[in-house]
Amino acid sequence: MAGFFALAAAASIALPRPAAIATARRLFAEASALYLRGRTAAARERLAAARRIDAEPEVDWNLADCDLALRRWKDAAEDLRRYLAGRPDDPRAPALRAKQLWLERRGDPAEAIAERQAALAPEAIAQPPLPVTGPWRRWNDR
């Protein structure tokens, strides 16, 4: 009988309560507004908080979108993996799995930059940048 109560208590903890779901929805709405205003990092923080409360696959989809915009390739791949685990019947699943694999192979640009800088000689890093000769131009400005 004690095992039954432990199982029932664990089940009640795992299910989000209505107040928690309302909080997750509020965080999702805030994230949507922030994303539309170009504040992607802040939107991602709100989405991550919403996911901790209520782990819906659609939140993972939006987290992947934010991580792509922030060039966080490995995080985006993980978000897509979680989305596909929650929505395996999505008609876009084959293309999304391919994108997930591509992102996993791509790596983190911050790590790649650090590796490249570490490989450079200290003299090359210490040199001042070349002067800019004029304003940037678009191809059709000729």
N, C-alpha and C. Protein backbone atom coordinates (compact mmCIF):
# COMPACT_ATOMS: atom_id res chain seq x y z
N MET A 1 0.82 -1.19 0.00
CA MET A 1 0.00 0.00 0.00
C MET A 1 0.87 1.27 0.00
N ALA A 2 2.00 1.24 0.70
CA ALA A 2 2.88 2.41 0.75
C ALA A 2 3.44 2.71 -0.64
N GLY A 3 3.69 1.65 -1.42
CA GLY A 3 4.18 1.86 -2.78
C GLY A 3 3.17 2.58 -3.65
N PHE A 4 1.89 2.30 -3.43
CA PHE A 4 0.83 2.96 -4.19
C PHE A 4 0.83 4.47 -3.91
N PHE A 5 0.96 4.84 -2.63
CA PHE A 5 0.94 6.26 -2.28
C PHE A 5 2.17 6.99 -2.81
N ALA A 6 3.30 6.31 -2.80
CA ALA A 6 4.51 6.92 -3.37
C ALA A 6 4.34 7.14 -4.86
N LEU A 7 3.72 6.16 -5.54
CA LEU A 7 3.48 6.29 -6.98
C LEU A 7 2.48 7.40 -7.25
N ALA A 8 1.43 7.49 -6.47
CA ALA A 8 0.43 8.54 -6.64
C ALA A 8 1.04 9.91 -6.37
N ALA A 9 1.88 10.02 -5.37
CA ALA A 9 2.53 11.30 -5.07
C ALA A 9 3.46 11.71 -6.22
N ALA A 10 4.22 10.75 -6.75
CA ALA A 10 5.12 11.05 -7.87
C ALA A 10 4.33 11.48 -9.10
N ALA A 11 3.19 10.84 -9.35
CA ALA A 11 2.37 11.20 -10.51
C ALA A 11 1.80 12.59 -10.36
N SER A 12 1.42 12.98 -9.14
CA SER A 12 0.86 14.31 -8.95
C SER A 12 1.92 15.39 -9.10
N ILE A 13 3.16 15.06 -8.76
CA ILE A 13 4.24 16.04 -8.91
C ILE A 13 4.58 16.22 -10.39
N ALA A 14 4.52 15.14 -11.17
CA ALA A 14 4.93 15.18 -12.57
C ALA A 14 3.95 15.98 -13.44
N LEU A 15 2.69 16.02 -13.05
CA LEU A 15 1.70 16.73 -13.86
C LEU A 15 1.66 18.20 -13.48
N PRO A 16 1.73 19.10 -14.47
CA PRO A 16 1.67 20.53 -14.15
C PRO A 16 0.28 20.90 -13.62
N ARG A 17 0.27 21.76 -12.65
CA ARG A 17 -0.98 22.25 -12.08
C ARG A 17 -1.50 23.39 -12.93
N PRO A 18 -2.81 23.69 -12.82
CA PRO A 18 -3.37 24.79 -13.64
C PRO A 18 -2.65 26.12 -13.45
N ALA A 19 -2.24 26.44 -12.24
CA ALA A 19 -1.51 27.70 -12.02
C ALA A 19 -0.16 27.67 -12.72
N ALA A 20 0.50 26.52 -12.68
CA ALA A 20 1.80 26.40 -13.35
C ALA A 20 1.64 26.51 -14.86
N ILE A 21 0.57 25.90 -15.38
CA ILE A 21 0.32 25.99 -16.82
C ILE A 21 0.04 27.44 -17.21
N ALA A 22 -0.70 28.16 -16.39
CA ALA A 22 -0.96 29.58 -16.67
C ALA A 22 0.34 30.38 -16.67
N THR A 23 1.23 30.05 -15.75
CA THR A 23 2.54 30.74 -15.71
C THR A 23 3.34 30.41 -16.97
N ALA A 24 3.33 29.15 -17.39
CA ALA A 24 4.05 28.76 -18.60
C ALA A 24 3.49 29.48 -19.82
N ARG A 25 2.18 29.59 -19.89
CA ARG A 25 1.57 30.31 -21.02
C ARG A 25 1.92 31.79 -21.00
N ARG A 26 1.97 32.39 -19.81
CA ARG A 26 2.35 33.80 -19.69
C ARG A 26 3.80 33.99 -20.16
N LEU A 27 4.68 33.09 -19.73
CA LEU A 27 6.08 33.16 -20.15
C LEU A 27 6.21 32.98 -21.66
N PHE A 28 5.41 32.08 -22.22
CA PHE A 28 5.42 31.87 -23.67
C PHE A 28 4.96 33.13 -24.40
N ALA A 29 3.91 33.78 -23.90
CA ALA A 29 3.43 35.02 -24.53
C ALA A 29 4.49 36.11 -24.44
N GLU A 30 5.16 36.22 -23.30
CA GLU A 30 6.23 37.21 -23.16
C GLU A 30 7.36 36.91 -24.14
N ALA A 31 7.70 35.63 -24.27
CA ALA A 31 8.77 35.23 -25.20
C ALA A 31 8.40 35.58 -26.63
N SER A 32 7.15 35.35 -27.00
CA SER A 32 6.71 35.68 -28.36
C SER A 32 6.84 37.17 -28.63
N ALA A 33 6.44 37.99 -27.67
CA ALA A 33 6.54 39.44 -27.84
C ALA A 33 7.99 39.88 -27.93
N LEU A 34 8.84 39.32 -27.09
CA LEU A 34 10.27 39.67 -27.13
C LEU A 34 10.90 39.25 -28.46
N TYR A 35 10.55 38.08 -28.94
CA TYR A 35 11.12 37.59 -30.20
C TYR A 35 10.72 38.51 -31.36
N LEU A 36 9.46 38.94 -31.37
CA LEU A 36 9.00 39.82 -32.44
C LEU A 36 9.69 41.18 -32.39
N ARG A 37 10.16 41.59 -31.22
CA ARG A 37 10.88 42.87 -31.08
C ARG A 37 12.38 42.70 -31.29
N GLY A 38 12.81 41.48 -31.65
CA GLY A 38 14.22 41.26 -31.93
C GLY A 38 15.06 40.94 -30.71
N ARG A 39 14.44 40.70 -29.58
CA ARG A 39 15.18 40.40 -28.35
C ARG A 39 15.21 38.88 -28.15
N THR A 40 15.95 38.23 -29.02
CA THR A 40 15.96 36.78 -29.10
C THR A 40 16.51 36.13 -27.84
N ALA A 41 17.58 36.65 -27.28
CA ALA A 41 18.17 36.04 -26.08
C ALA A 41 17.18 36.08 -24.91
N ALA A 42 16.52 37.21 -24.73
CA ALA A 42 15.52 37.32 -23.66
C ALA A 42 14.34 36.40 -23.92
N ALA A 43 13.94 36.28 -25.18
CA ALA A 43 12.84 35.38 -25.54
C ALA A 43 13.22 33.93 -25.22
N ARG A 44 14.47 33.57 -25.51
CA ARG A 44 14.92 32.22 -25.24
C ARG A 44 14.88 31.92 -23.74
N GLU A 45 15.27 32.90 -22.92
CA GLU A 45 15.22 32.71 -21.47
C GLU A 45 13.79 32.43 -21.00
N ARG A 46 12.84 33.18 -21.52
CA ARG A 46 11.43 32.98 -21.13
C ARG A 46 10.93 31.60 -21.59
N LEU A 47 11.32 31.21 -22.81
CA LEU A 47 10.90 29.90 -23.31
C LEU A 47 11.50 28.77 -22.48
N ALA A 48 12.76 28.91 -22.10
CA ALA A 48 13.39 27.88 -21.27
C ALA A 48 12.68 27.78 -19.92
N ALA A 49 12.28 28.92 -19.36
CA ALA A 49 11.53 28.89 -18.10
C ALA A 49 10.18 28.23 -18.29
N ALA A 50 9.51 28.52 -19.39
CA ALA A 50 8.22 27.89 -19.68
C ALA A 50 8.38 26.39 -19.86
N ARG A 51 9.46 25.97 -20.49
CA ARG A 51 9.69 24.54 -20.71
C ARG A 51 9.94 23.81 -19.40
N ARG A 52 10.62 24.46 -18.45
CA ARG A 52 10.85 23.82 -17.16
C ARG A 52 9.53 23.56 -16.43
N ILE A 53 8.53 24.40 -16.70
CA ILE A 53 7.22 24.23 -16.07
C ILE A 53 6.37 23.21 -16.82
N ASP A 54 6.31 23.34 -18.14
CA ASP A 54 5.45 22.50 -18.96
C ASP A 54 6.19 22.18 -20.25
N ALA A 55 6.70 20.97 -20.36
CA ALA A 55 7.58 20.58 -21.46
C ALA A 55 6.79 20.16 -22.70
N GLU A 56 6.13 21.09 -23.33
CA GLU A 56 5.42 20.83 -24.58
C GLU A 56 6.41 20.85 -25.74
N PRO A 57 6.27 19.96 -26.72
CA PRO A 57 7.19 19.94 -27.86
C PRO A 57 7.23 21.25 -28.63
N GLU A 58 6.12 21.96 -28.69
CA GLU A 58 6.10 23.23 -29.43
C GLU A 58 7.06 24.26 -28.81
N VAL A 59 7.26 24.18 -27.51
CA VAL A 59 8.22 25.08 -26.86
C VAL A 59 9.63 24.74 -27.36
N ASP A 60 9.90 23.43 -27.50
CA ASP A 60 11.21 23.03 -28.03
C ASP A 60 11.41 23.54 -29.46
N TRP A 61 10.34 23.54 -30.24
CA TRP A 61 10.41 24.07 -31.61
C TRP A 61 10.83 25.54 -31.58
N ASN A 62 10.20 26.31 -30.70
CA ASN A 62 10.51 27.74 -30.60
C ASN A 62 11.88 27.98 -29.99
N LEU A 63 12.30 27.12 -29.05
CA LEU A 63 13.66 27.22 -28.53
C LEU A 63 14.67 27.00 -29.65
N ALA A 64 14.40 26.03 -30.52
CA ALA A 64 15.30 25.78 -31.65
C ALA A 64 15.38 27.01 -32.56
N ASP A 65 14.24 27.65 -32.77
CA ASP A 65 14.22 28.85 -33.60
C ASP A 65 15.09 29.94 -32.98
N CYS A 66 14.97 30.14 -31.68
CA CYS A 66 15.80 31.13 -30.99
C CYS A 66 17.28 30.75 -31.06
N ASP A 67 17.57 29.48 -30.81
CA ASP A 67 18.97 29.05 -30.83
C ASP A 67 19.59 29.19 -32.22
N LEU A 68 18.80 28.97 -33.25
CA LEU A 68 19.31 29.19 -34.61
C LEU A 68 19.63 30.66 -34.82
N ALA A 69 18.74 31.54 -34.37
CA ALA A 69 18.98 32.98 -34.52
C ALA A 69 20.20 33.43 -33.73
N LEU A 70 20.44 32.77 -32.59
CA LEU A 70 21.59 33.12 -31.74
C LEU A 70 22.86 32.35 -32.13
N ARG A 71 22.76 31.52 -33.18
CA ARG A 71 23.88 30.72 -33.68
C ARG A 71 24.39 29.73 -32.63
N ARG A 72 23.47 29.20 -31.87
CA ARG A 72 23.80 28.17 -30.87
C ARG A 72 23.40 26.83 -31.49
N TRP A 73 24.27 26.34 -32.37
CA TRP A 73 23.94 25.19 -33.20
C TRP A 73 23.65 23.93 -32.39
N LYS A 74 24.50 23.63 -31.43
CA LYS A 74 24.32 22.40 -30.65
C LYS A 74 23.02 22.46 -29.84
N ASP A 75 22.72 23.61 -29.28
CA ASP A 75 21.47 23.76 -28.53
C ASP A 75 20.26 23.61 -29.46
N ALA A 76 20.36 24.17 -30.65
CA ALA A 76 19.26 24.05 -31.62
C ALA A 76 19.05 22.59 -32.00
N ALA A 77 20.15 21.85 -32.18
CA ALA A 77 20.03 20.43 -32.51
C ALA A 77 19.35 19.67 -31.38
N GLU A 78 19.71 19.97 -30.14
CA GLU A 78 19.08 19.31 -29.00
C GLU A 78 17.60 19.68 -28.90
N ASP A 79 17.27 20.94 -29.16
CA ASP A 79 15.86 21.36 -29.15
C ASP A 79 15.06 20.59 -30.20
N LEU A 80 15.63 20.47 -31.40
CA LEU A 80 14.95 19.71 -32.45
C LEU A 80 14.79 18.24 -32.09
N ARG A 81 15.82 17.67 -31.44
CA ARG A 81 15.73 16.27 -31.02
C ARG A 81 14.56 16.09 -30.04
N ARG A 82 14.44 17.01 -29.07
CA ARG A 82 13.33 16.92 -28.11
C ARG A 82 11.99 17.13 -28.80
N TYR A 83 11.93 18.07 -29.76
CA TYR A 83 10.68 18.30 -30.48
C TYR A 83 10.26 17.03 -31.22
N LEU A 84 11.20 16.41 -31.92
CA LEU A 84 10.88 15.22 -32.69
C LEU A 84 10.52 14.04 -31.79
N ALA A 85 11.09 13.98 -30.60
CA ALA A 85 10.72 12.93 -29.65
C ALA A 85 9.26 13.11 -29.21
N GLY A 86 8.83 14.36 -29.08
CA GLY A 86 7.46 14.64 -28.67
C GLY A 86 6.46 14.61 -29.80
N ARG A 87 6.91 14.87 -31.02
CA ARG A 87 6.04 14.88 -32.20
C ARG A 87 6.64 14.04 -33.31
N PRO A 88 6.77 12.71 -33.10
CA PRO A 88 7.41 11.86 -34.12
C PRO A 88 6.63 11.76 -35.42
N ASP A 89 5.33 12.07 -35.39
CA ASP A 89 4.51 11.97 -36.60
C ASP A 89 4.45 13.27 -37.39
N ASP A 90 5.24 14.25 -37.02
CA ASP A 90 5.25 15.51 -37.76
C ASP A 90 5.63 15.22 -39.21
N PRO A 91 4.86 15.73 -40.18
CA PRO A 91 5.18 15.44 -41.58
C PRO A 91 6.55 15.97 -42.01
N ARG A 92 7.09 16.92 -41.28
CA ARG A 92 8.42 17.48 -41.61
C ARG A 92 9.54 16.71 -40.93
N ALA A 93 9.23 15.62 -40.22
CA ALA A 93 10.21 14.91 -39.41
C ALA A 93 11.48 14.52 -40.18
N PRO A 94 11.39 13.95 -41.40
CA PRO A 94 12.64 13.60 -42.09
C PRO A 94 13.55 14.82 -42.35
N ALA A 95 12.96 15.92 -42.75
CA ALA A 95 13.76 17.12 -43.00
C ALA A 95 14.32 17.68 -41.69
N LEU A 96 13.53 17.61 -40.63
CA LEU A 96 13.99 18.12 -39.34
C LEU A 96 15.11 17.25 -38.77
N ARG A 97 15.03 15.94 -38.97
CA ARG A 97 16.11 15.06 -38.52
C ARG A 97 17.40 15.37 -39.28
N ALA A 98 17.27 15.62 -40.57
CA ALA A 98 18.45 15.98 -41.37
C ALA A 98 19.05 17.29 -40.88
N LYS A 99 18.19 18.25 -40.57
CA LYS A 99 18.68 19.54 -40.05
C LYS A 99 19.34 19.35 -38.69
N GLN A 100 18.75 18.50 -37.85
CA GLN A 100 19.33 18.23 -36.54
C GLN A 100 20.74 17.65 -36.69
N LEU A 101 20.90 16.68 -37.57
CA LEU A 101 22.22 16.09 -37.79
C LEU A 101 23.21 17.11 -38.32
N TRP A 102 22.77 17.95 -39.23
CA TRP A 102 23.63 18.99 -39.80
C TRP A 102 24.09 19.95 -38.69
N LEU A 103 23.16 20.33 -37.82
CA LEU A 103 23.51 21.24 -36.73
C LEU A 103 24.47 20.60 -35.74
N GLU A 104 24.27 19.31 -35.46
CA GLU A 104 25.19 18.61 -34.55
C GLU A 104 26.60 18.58 -35.11
N ARG A 105 26.72 18.41 -36.42
CA ARG A 105 28.04 18.37 -37.05
C ARG A 105 28.66 19.75 -37.17
N ARG A 106 27.83 20.76 -37.22
CA ARG A 106 28.33 22.12 -37.43
C ARG A 106 29.15 22.61 -36.25
N GLY A 107 28.75 22.29 -35.05
CA GLY A 107 29.51 22.70 -33.88
C GLY A 107 29.16 24.11 -33.44
N ASP A 108 29.84 24.54 -32.44
CA ASP A 108 29.60 25.84 -31.83
C ASP A 108 30.58 26.86 -32.40
N PRO A 109 30.08 27.97 -32.97
CA PRO A 109 31.00 28.95 -33.56
C PRO A 109 31.94 29.58 -32.54
N ALA A 110 31.50 29.75 -31.31
CA ALA A 110 32.38 30.34 -30.29
C ALA A 110 33.57 29.42 -30.03
N GLU A 111 33.31 28.11 -29.98
CA GLU A 111 34.41 27.16 -29.79
C GLU A 111 35.36 27.18 -30.99
N ALA A 112 34.81 27.25 -32.19
CA ALA A 112 35.63 27.27 -33.40
C ALA A 112 36.50 28.52 -33.44
N ILE A 113 35.95 29.66 -33.06
CA ILE A 113 36.72 30.91 -33.05
C ILE A 113 37.85 30.81 -32.02
N ALA A 114 37.55 30.29 -30.85
CA ALA A 114 38.58 30.15 -29.82
C ALA A 114 39.70 29.22 -30.29
N GLU A 115 39.33 28.13 -30.97
CA GLU A 115 40.35 27.22 -31.49
C GLU A 115 41.23 27.91 -32.54
N ARG A 116 40.60 28.68 -33.43
CA ARG A 116 41.37 29.38 -34.46
C ARG A 116 42.30 30.42 -33.83
N GLN A 117 41.81 31.16 -32.84
CA GLN A 117 42.64 32.17 -32.19
C GLN A 117 43.80 31.53 -31.44
N ALA A 118 43.56 30.39 -30.83
CA ALA A 118 44.62 29.70 -30.11
C ALA A 118 45.70 29.22 -31.07
N ALA A 119 45.31 28.88 -32.30
CA ALA A 119 46.27 28.40 -33.29
C ALA A 119 47.12 29.52 -33.88
N LEU A 120 46.63 30.76 -33.80
CA LEU A 120 47.39 31.88 -34.36
C LEU A 120 48.58 32.23 -33.48
N ALA A 121 49.61 32.75 -34.12
CA ALA A 121 50.76 33.22 -33.37
C ALA A 121 50.38 34.50 -32.62
N PRO A 122 50.93 34.72 -31.43
CA PRO A 122 50.61 35.95 -30.68
C PRO A 122 50.90 37.22 -31.47
N GLU A 123 51.91 37.18 -32.36
CA GLU A 123 52.23 38.37 -33.15
C GLU A 123 51.08 38.72 -34.10
N ALA A 124 50.45 37.72 -34.66
CA ALA A 124 49.36 37.96 -35.61
C ALA A 124 48.15 38.56 -34.92
N ILE A 125 47.91 38.18 -33.69
CA ILE A 125 46.77 38.70 -32.96
C ILE A 125 47.01 40.14 -32.54
N ALA A 126 48.27 40.48 -32.22
CA ALA A 126 48.58 41.81 -31.70
C ALA A 126 48.61 42.89 -32.78
N GLN A 127 48.63 42.54 -34.05
CA GLN A 127 48.70 43.55 -35.11
C GLN A 127 47.40 44.33 -35.20
N PRO A 128 47.50 45.64 -35.47
CA PRO A 128 46.28 46.44 -35.60
C PRO A 128 45.52 46.06 -36.88
N PRO A 129 44.21 46.27 -36.89
CA PRO A 129 43.43 45.93 -38.09
C PRO A 129 43.77 46.86 -39.24
N LEU A 130 43.52 46.40 -40.45
CA LEU A 130 43.74 47.22 -41.63
C LEU A 130 42.72 48.35 -41.68
N PRO A 131 43.10 49.52 -42.18
CA PRO A 131 42.15 50.62 -42.25
C PRO A 131 41.06 50.35 -43.29
N VAL A 132 39.89 50.88 -43.03
CA VAL A 132 38.78 50.76 -43.98
C VAL A 132 38.94 51.87 -45.01
N THR A 133 38.83 51.52 -46.30
CA THR A 133 39.07 52.49 -47.36
C THR A 133 37.84 53.28 -47.75
N GLY A 134 36.68 52.83 -47.44
CA GLY A 134 35.48 53.55 -47.83
C GLY A 134 34.24 52.88 -47.26
N PRO A 135 33.08 53.43 -47.56
CA PRO A 135 31.86 52.85 -47.00
C PRO A 135 31.54 51.51 -47.66
N TRP A 136 30.78 50.71 -46.94
CA TRP A 136 30.31 49.44 -47.49
C TRP A 136 29.39 49.72 -48.64
N ARG A 137 29.41 48.84 -49.64
CA ARG A 137 28.57 49.04 -50.81
C ARG A 137 27.79 47.77 -51.10
N ARG A 138 26.62 47.94 -51.62
CA ARG A 138 25.83 46.80 -52.08
C ARG A 138 26.22 46.53 -53.53
N TRP A 139 25.93 45.33 -54.00
CA TRP A 139 26.29 44.96 -55.36
C TRP A 139 25.64 45.85 -56.40
N ASN A 140 24.44 46.34 -56.13
CA ASN A 140 23.75 47.14 -57.13
C ASN A 140 24.11 48.63 -57.06
N ASP A 141 25.13 49.03 -56.25
CA ASP A 141 25.54 50.42 -56.16
C ASP A 141 26.55 50.81 -57.24
N ARG A 142 26.91 49.90 -58.12
CA ARG A 142 27.96 50.17 -59.11
C ARG A 142 27.55 51.22 -60.10
